[in-house]
Amino acid sequence: MQFCRALLDLAELADELGRTGDAESFRADARAMTDAIEEHCWDGAWYARAFDDEGAPIGVAAEKRHRINMNPQTWCVIGDTAPPERAERALRSMDELLATELGIALLAPPYDGGDERVGGTSTYPPGAKENGGIFCHANAWAVVAAAKHGWGDRAYDYYRRILPLLRADSDRYLVEPYVYCQNICGPTHPQFGMGRNAWLTGTAAWTYVAATQWLLGIRPTFRGLRIAPVLPSGWTGFTARRLFRGVVHEIAVERAGAGAAVSLVVDGEPVEGDVVPLPRDRDRVSVRATLGS
């Protein structure tokens, strides 16, 4: 699924460079991989995580341990591999079977003793690190996937569940309130909620991307800034300042109704679509976006 995301991003870049043959090749490879995923990895309510050396799936309902894994359920959306109905079901399975009040566990049920099929993951205690812990890095992907799927309330909820500043139980969390940790002990661990490996994580960077590019929806493109917020229902709007390619974008977003349709006005002039064109002759632009209009 990550492979497909990379191929689709490369295809977009090739389009921009006028390399149509490369773009077509990348998209063909992405389609072939997507077809394989849909044929072999869908387990009826979620996607398998991997295959062992004998070709048997891991992370499927028939397993005693590791019946479901978080990552394929988010990346089927991020990678644009799942049809809408399967994406919806996979995300709901993740939420129903893996989500806790302190974040989403990576897998369940965890291994209880080593398993030669999977190696290192199974060597951790149940609920620790990759063996059913709440991996904060991967939780940022859940925010992205939920927002990309249009679940504004759910995406914002996932974002807040791992936010260090919201943890009022410092004696349990044992991590500074101003830094993300790599993982949090999961619900099957006796120290559920304890943070581990502070400072050693990609969580901060990925959560920044999730919050700014997917919740607020301010994403860079080759043609300009895309303004495509997916806001929680309780928000009426927001303001932001974004420096992009040497130009300061003063952005004001206002909710006018339900839905995610965006109307843009740039320096007082309506603009088609949701991308602010690259300014050619000034260093500051004013952007007003009306959401749900």
Protein backbone atom coordinates (compact mmCIF):
# COMPACT_ATOMS: atom_id res chain seq x y z
CA MET A 1 0.00 0.00 0.00
CA GLN A 2 2.90 2.34 0.71
CA PHE A 3 4.41 1.20 -2.58
CA CYS A 4 1.22 2.26 -4.36
CA ARG A 5 1.27 5.65 -2.63
CA ALA A 6 4.86 6.17 -3.75
CA LEU A 7 4.03 5.17 -7.33
CA LEU A 8 1.05 7.52 -7.50
CA ASP A 9 3.16 10.38 -6.13
CA LEU A 10 5.87 9.62 -8.71
CA ALA A 11 3.25 9.57 -11.45
CA GLU A 12 2.05 13.02 -10.41
CA LEU A 13 5.62 14.30 -10.48
CA ALA A 14 6.21 12.72 -13.90
CA ASP A 15 3.04 14.42 -15.20
CA GLU A 16 4.37 17.76 -14.01
CA LEU A 17 7.69 17.14 -15.80
CA GLY A 18 5.98 16.10 -19.01
CA ARG A 19 7.24 12.52 -18.74
CA THR A 20 3.96 10.89 -19.72
CA GLY A 21 5.50 7.49 -20.41
CA ASP A 22 6.91 7.29 -16.89
CA ALA A 23 3.59 8.46 -15.43
CA GLU A 24 1.70 5.75 -17.29
CA SER A 25 4.21 3.11 -16.19
CA PHE A 26 3.99 4.14 -12.53
CA ARG A 27 0.19 4.08 -12.60
CA ALA A 28 0.17 0.67 -14.31
CA ASP A 29 2.41 -0.77 -11.60
CA ALA A 30 0.18 0.78 -8.93
CA ARG A 31 -2.90 -0.80 -10.52
CA ALA A 32 -1.20 -4.20 -10.66
CA MET A 33 -0.22 -4.05 -6.99
CA THR A 34 -3.69 -2.79 -6.01
CA ASP A 35 -5.29 -5.71 -7.84
CA ALA A 36 -3.04 -8.14 -5.96
CA ILE A 37 -3.86 -6.53 -2.63
CA GLU A 38 -7.59 -6.67 -3.27
CA GLU A 39 -7.43 -10.29 -4.41
CA HIS A 40 -5.16 -11.71 -1.72
CA CYS A 41 -5.25 -9.41 1.34
CA TRP A 42 -8.91 -8.63 1.98
CA ASP A 43 -10.14 -10.83 4.84
CA GLY A 44 -13.80 -9.88 4.81
CA ALA A 45 -13.72 -7.02 7.30
CA TRP A 46 -10.11 -5.83 7.19
CA TYR A 47 -6.83 -6.31 5.34
CA ALA A 48 -4.12 -8.84 6.21
CA ARG A 49 -0.85 -7.46 7.53
CA ALA A 50 1.68 -9.74 5.86
CA PHE A 51 2.47 -13.24 4.61
CA ASP A 52 4.86 -15.71 6.22
CA ASP A 53 7.58 -17.70 4.45
CA GLU A 54 5.06 -20.36 3.48
CA GLY A 55 2.66 -17.82 1.97
CA ALA A 56 0.11 -17.97 4.79
CA PRO A 57 -1.44 -14.63 5.81
CA ILE A 58 -0.77 -12.90 9.11
CA GLY A 59 -3.23 -10.45 10.67
CA VAL A 60 -6.42 -12.26 9.62
CA ALA A 61 -9.48 -13.42 11.54
CA ALA A 62 -8.49 -17.11 11.44
CA GLU A 63 -5.41 -16.47 13.59
CA LYS A 64 -5.38 -16.99 17.36
CA ARG A 65 -2.95 -14.09 17.84
CA HIS A 66 -2.55 -10.98 15.70
CA ARG A 67 -5.99 -11.29 14.11
CA ILE A 68 -5.99 -7.65 13.01
CA ASN A 69 -3.26 -5.08 12.48
CA MET A 70 -3.69 -1.33 12.38
CA ASN A 71 -1.34 -0.37 9.54
CA PRO A 72 -3.09 -1.97 6.54
CA GLN A 73 -6.38 -0.41 7.58
CA THR A 74 -4.93 3.10 7.45
CA TRP A 75 -2.66 2.62 4.46
CA CYS A 76 -5.41 1.16 2.29
CA VAL A 77 -6.84 4.69 2.45
CA ILE A 78 -3.57 6.64 2.31
CA GLY A 79 -2.33 4.50 -0.57
CA ASP A 80 -5.61 4.75 -2.51
CA THR A 81 -5.76 0.98 -2.87
CA ALA A 82 -9.16 0.21 -1.31
CA PRO A 83 -12.55 0.83 -2.91
CA PRO A 84 -14.71 3.12 -0.73
CA GLU A 85 -16.82 0.37 0.86
CA ARG A 86 -13.78 -1.67 1.88
CA ALA A 87 -11.95 1.40 3.15
CA GLU A 88 -14.96 2.24 5.30
CA ARG A 89 -15.17 -1.29 6.69
CA ALA A 90 -11.43 -1.54 7.34
CA LEU A 91 -11.37 1.75 9.26
CA ARG A 92 -14.41 0.73 11.28
CA SER A 93 -12.80 -2.62 12.14
CA MET A 94 -9.69 -0.79 13.31
CA ASP A 95 -11.77 1.52 15.47
CA GLU A 96 -13.89 -1.28 16.94
CA LEU A 97 -11.08 -3.76 17.66
CA LEU A 98 -7.97 -1.67 18.30
CA ALA A 99 -8.90 1.81 19.54
CA THR A 100 -8.52 2.75 23.21
CA GLU A 101 -8.99 6.05 25.00
CA LEU A 102 -5.20 6.58 24.87
CA GLY A 103 -4.67 5.71 21.23
CA ILE A 104 -4.99 2.83 18.79
CA ALA A 105 -3.14 -0.42 19.48
CA LEU A 106 -0.98 -1.73 16.66
CA LEU A 107 -2.42 -5.25 16.70
CA ALA A 108 -4.70 -7.57 18.66
CA PRO A 109 -4.66 -9.98 20.28
CA PRO A 110 -0.95 -9.69 21.04
CA TYR A 111 1.45 -12.61 20.97
CA ASP A 112 2.08 -14.32 24.30
CA GLY A 113 5.44 -15.93 23.71
CA GLY A 114 7.69 -16.07 20.67
CA ASP A 115 6.31 -17.01 17.27
CA GLU A 116 8.81 -18.14 14.62
CA ARG A 117 6.52 -16.96 11.83
CA VAL A 118 6.89 -13.32 12.78
CA GLY A 119 10.11 -13.14 14.80
CA GLY A 120 10.87 -9.95 16.72
CA THR A 121 7.36 -8.58 17.13
CA SER A 122 6.32 -11.64 19.13
CA THR A 123 9.27 -11.37 21.52
CA TYR A 124 7.93 -8.29 23.30
CA PRO A 125 5.55 -8.70 26.25
CA PRO A 126 1.86 -8.50 25.31
CA GLY A 127 0.90 -4.86 24.86
CA ALA A 128 4.46 -3.58 24.52
CA LYS A 129 5.87 -1.86 21.43
CA GLU A 130 4.98 -3.65 18.17
CA ASN A 131 3.25 -6.46 20.05
CA GLY A 132 -0.02 -4.65 20.67
CA GLY A 133 1.37 -1.40 21.98
CA ILE A 134 -0.01 1.98 20.97
CA PHE A 135 2.55 3.07 18.41
CA CYS A 136 2.23 6.85 18.25
CA HIS A 137 3.87 7.14 14.83
CA ALA A 138 1.24 4.81 13.37
CA ASN A 139 -1.55 6.70 15.15
CA ALA A 140 -0.66 9.77 13.11
CA TRP A 141 -1.42 7.68 10.00
CA ALA A 142 -4.86 6.96 11.49
CA VAL A 143 -5.48 10.72 11.68
CA VAL A 144 -4.49 11.09 8.02
CA ALA A 145 -6.60 8.12 6.92
CA ALA A 146 -9.68 9.24 8.83
CA ALA A 147 -9.40 12.77 7.45
CA LYS A 148 -8.77 11.53 3.91
CA HIS A 149 -11.88 9.36 4.28
CA GLY A 150 -13.89 12.40 5.37
CA TRP A 151 -14.23 11.54 9.06
CA GLY A 152 -13.49 14.95 10.56
CA ASP A 153 -14.69 14.18 14.08
CA ARG A 154 -12.94 10.82 14.19
CA ALA A 155 -9.69 12.23 12.81
CA TYR A 156 -9.62 15.01 15.40
CA ASP A 157 -10.45 12.51 18.14
CA TYR A 158 -7.55 10.26 17.11
CA TYR A 159 -5.27 13.30 17.08
CA ARG A 160 -6.22 14.25 20.64
CA ARG A 161 -5.90 10.74 22.05
CA ILE A 162 -2.10 10.74 21.70
CA LEU A 163 -1.56 14.46 22.33
CA PRO A 164 0.91 14.68 25.26
CA LEU A 165 -0.54 17.96 26.53
CA LEU A 166 -3.88 16.26 27.21
CA ARG A 167 -2.41 13.60 29.48
CA ALA A 168 -3.25 14.66 33.04
CA ASP A 169 -1.90 11.42 34.55
CA SER A 170 1.82 12.18 34.65
CA ASP A 171 2.48 9.48 37.27
CA ARG A 172 1.12 6.95 34.82
CA TYR A 173 2.39 8.44 31.56
CA LEU A 174 5.95 9.10 32.84
CA VAL A 175 6.84 11.22 29.79
CA GLU A 176 7.36 14.98 29.55
CA PRO A 177 4.11 16.70 28.55
CA TYR A 178 5.82 18.58 25.70
CA VAL A 179 7.21 15.64 23.73
CA TYR A 180 5.83 12.65 21.88
CA CYS A 181 7.01 9.20 22.82
CA GLN A 182 7.55 6.34 20.41
CA ASN A 183 4.90 4.12 21.94
CA ILE A 184 2.48 3.79 24.85
CA CYS A 185 1.85 0.50 26.62
CA GLY A 186 -1.32 -1.01 25.20
CA PRO A 187 -4.46 -2.25 26.94
CA THR A 188 -3.13 -5.79 27.51
CA HIS A 189 -0.02 -4.53 29.30
CA PRO A 190 0.00 -4.20 33.12
CA GLN A 191 1.31 -0.64 32.72
CA PHE A 192 -1.31 0.43 30.16
CA GLY A 193 -0.87 4.12 29.41
CA MET A 194 2.83 4.39 30.25
CA GLY A 195 4.85 6.20 27.59
CA ARG A 196 8.06 4.64 26.29
CA ASN A 197 11.09 5.89 24.34
CA ALA A 198 10.40 9.62 24.53
CA TRP A 199 12.14 11.75 21.88
CA LEU A 200 12.91 8.66 19.76
CA THR A 201 10.11 8.81 17.20
CA GLY A 202 8.83 10.16 13.92
CA THR A 203 5.53 10.91 15.63
CA ALA A 204 6.09 14.66 15.97
CA ALA A 205 6.74 15.12 12.24
CA TRP A 206 3.91 12.85 11.13
CA THR A 207 1.44 14.40 13.58
CA TYR A 208 2.37 17.85 12.27
CA VAL A 209 1.62 16.64 8.74
CA ALA A 210 -1.64 15.04 9.88
CA ALA A 211 -2.82 18.15 11.70
CA THR A 212 -1.78 20.84 9.21
CA GLN A 213 -2.15 19.05 5.86
CA TRP A 214 -5.17 16.85 6.57
CA LEU A 215 -7.24 18.30 9.42
CA LEU A 216 -6.58 21.92 8.44
CA GLY A 217 -6.14 20.69 4.88
CA ILE A 218 -3.34 23.07 3.85
CA ARG A 219 -1.27 20.89 1.50
CA PRO A 220 1.49 21.81 -0.95
CA THR A 221 1.01 20.85 -4.60
CA PHE A 222 3.08 21.50 -7.71
CA ARG A 223 0.64 24.24 -8.74
CA GLY A 224 0.08 25.95 -5.39
CA LEU A 225 -1.38 25.43 -1.93
CA ARG A 226 -4.43 23.19 -1.70
CA ILE A 227 -6.99 24.30 0.90
CA ALA A 228 -9.12 21.26 1.70
CA PRO A 229 -9.99 21.17 5.42
CA VAL A 230 -11.66 18.20 7.09
CA LEU A 231 -12.78 19.82 10.32
CA PRO A 232 -14.53 18.40 13.36
CA SER A 233 -18.20 19.33 13.49
CA GLY A 234 -17.71 21.68 16.43
CA TRP A 235 -15.33 23.98 14.57
CA THR A 236 -16.70 27.05 12.79
CA GLY A 237 -13.38 27.77 11.06
CA PHE A 238 -9.81 28.85 11.68
CA THR A 239 -7.09 31.22 10.53
CA ALA A 240 -3.55 30.28 9.55
CA ARG A 241 -0.42 31.81 8.09
CA ARG A 242 1.59 29.58 5.73
CA LEU A 243 4.87 30.47 4.04
CA PHE A 244 5.01 28.59 0.72
CA ARG A 245 7.64 29.13 -1.96
CA GLY A 246 8.58 32.49 -0.53
CA VAL A 247 4.99 33.76 -0.39
CA VAL A 248 3.09 34.34 2.85
CA HIS A 249 -0.46 32.98 2.60
CA GLU A 250 -2.87 34.56 5.10
CA ILE A 251 -5.65 31.96 5.23
CA ALA A 252 -9.11 32.29 6.78
CA VAL A 253 -11.47 29.31 6.66
CA GLU A 254 -15.14 29.65 7.57
CA ARG A 255 -17.74 26.90 7.76
CA ALA A 256 -20.94 27.79 5.92
CA GLY A 257 -22.65 24.42 5.86
CA ALA A 258 -22.24 20.67 5.93
CA GLY A 259 -19.91 18.86 3.60
CA ALA A 260 -16.33 19.38 2.50
CA ALA A 261 -16.80 21.46 -0.67
CA VAL A 262 -14.51 24.51 -0.68
CA SER A 263 -14.97 27.89 -2.35
CA LEU A 264 -11.83 30.02 -2.60
CA VAL A 265 -11.39 33.77 -2.87
CA VAL A 266 -7.78 34.90 -3.37
CA ASP A 267 -7.00 38.59 -2.97
CA GLY A 268 -10.68 39.33 -3.48
CA GLU A 269 -11.07 37.26 -6.65
CA PRO A 270 -12.91 33.89 -6.84
CA VAL A 271 -10.72 30.95 -7.84
CA GLU A 272 -11.89 27.69 -9.39
CA GLY A 273 -11.14 24.54 -7.41
CA ASP A 274 -9.33 24.28 -4.08
CA VAL A 275 -5.74 25.22 -5.07
CA VAL A 276 -4.37 28.73 -4.56
CA PRO A 277 -2.36 29.49 -7.73
CA LEU A 278 1.29 30.35 -7.26
CA PRO A 279 1.60 34.16 -7.10
CA ARG A 280 4.00 35.52 -9.71
CA ASP A 281 4.44 39.13 -8.65
CA ARG A 282 3.93 39.49 -4.89
CA ASP A 283 5.16 38.08 -1.60
CA ARG A 284 1.83 37.94 0.27
CA VAL A 285 -1.68 36.75 -0.61
CA SER A 286 -4.99 36.75 1.24
CA VAL A 287 -7.01 33.54 1.02
CA ARG A 288 -10.61 33.15 2.17
CA ALA A 289 -12.05 29.65 2.05
CA THR A 290 -15.71 28.87 2.63
CA LEU A 291 -16.26 25.26 3.65
CA GLY A 292 -19.46 23.36 2.94
CA SER A 293 -20.89 25.99 0.63
